[in-house]
Amino acid sequence: MKGFFKFVGAVVAIFAAVVGLLMIFDRVTQKNRVKDGYLDCDIPDVEDIDD
């Protein structure tokens, strides 16, 4: 039973390390992402379009 807990602990530790590395990689590669929602565009609303 002790070996099983070691195995589960090792799997959880490896999974946490992989997730942490993915979070760091995402943070480094996405430095220029939009921080406060969507970009403002000059596209007219549906009501403003003339048929």
Protein backbone atom coordinates (compact mmCIF):
# COMPACT_ATOMS: atom_id res chain seq x y z
CA MET A 1 0.00 0.00 0.00
CA LYS A 2 2.93 2.30 0.73
CA GLY A 3 4.21 1.84 -2.82
CA PHE A 4 0.81 2.75 -4.24
CA PHE A 5 0.78 6.05 -2.33
CA LYS A 6 4.31 6.79 -3.55
CA PHE A 7 3.19 6.14 -7.12
CA VAL A 8 0.09 8.34 -6.78
CA GLY A 9 2.15 11.08 -5.16
CA ALA A 10 4.70 10.93 -7.96
CA VAL A 11 1.99 11.11 -10.63
CA VAL A 12 0.35 14.09 -8.91
CA ALA A 13 3.71 15.86 -8.55
CA ILE A 14 4.56 15.31 -12.23
CA PHE A 15 1.10 16.51 -13.29
CA ALA A 16 1.42 19.64 -11.13
CA ALA A 17 4.87 20.37 -12.58
CA VAL A 18 3.59 20.01 -16.16
CA VAL A 19 0.61 22.29 -15.47
CA GLY A 20 2.91 24.85 -13.84
CA LEU A 21 5.27 24.80 -16.81
CA LEU A 22 2.35 25.25 -19.21
CA MET A 23 1.10 28.24 -17.19
CA ILE A 24 4.56 29.84 -17.22
CA PHE A 25 4.92 29.18 -20.97
CA ASP A 26 1.50 30.74 -21.62
CA ARG A 27 2.35 33.81 -19.53
CA VAL A 28 5.65 34.33 -21.38
CA THR A 29 4.24 33.84 -24.87
CA GLN A 30 1.07 35.92 -24.35
CA LYS A 31 2.56 39.16 -23.03
CA ASN A 32 0.68 41.24 -25.63
CA ARG A 33 -2.78 39.81 -25.04
CA VAL A 34 -5.80 42.06 -24.49
CA LYS A 35 -6.13 42.55 -20.74
CA ASP A 36 -9.53 44.27 -20.36
CA GLY A 37 -11.88 42.34 -22.59
CA TYR A 38 -12.44 42.89 -26.27
CA LEU A 39 -10.84 45.36 -28.65
CA ASP A 40 -12.96 48.32 -29.79
CA CYS A 41 -13.75 48.15 -33.49
CA ASP A 42 -15.39 50.62 -35.84
CA ILE A 43 -17.91 48.08 -37.10
CA PRO A 44 -21.44 49.54 -37.14
CA ASP A 45 -24.18 47.86 -35.15
CA VAL A 46 -26.95 45.95 -36.91
CA GLU A 47 -29.39 48.87 -36.36
CA ASP A 48 -27.02 51.33 -38.11
CA ILE A 49 -26.74 49.38 -41.38
CA ASP A 50 -28.97 50.71 -44.17
CA ASP A 51 -30.57 48.13 -46.46
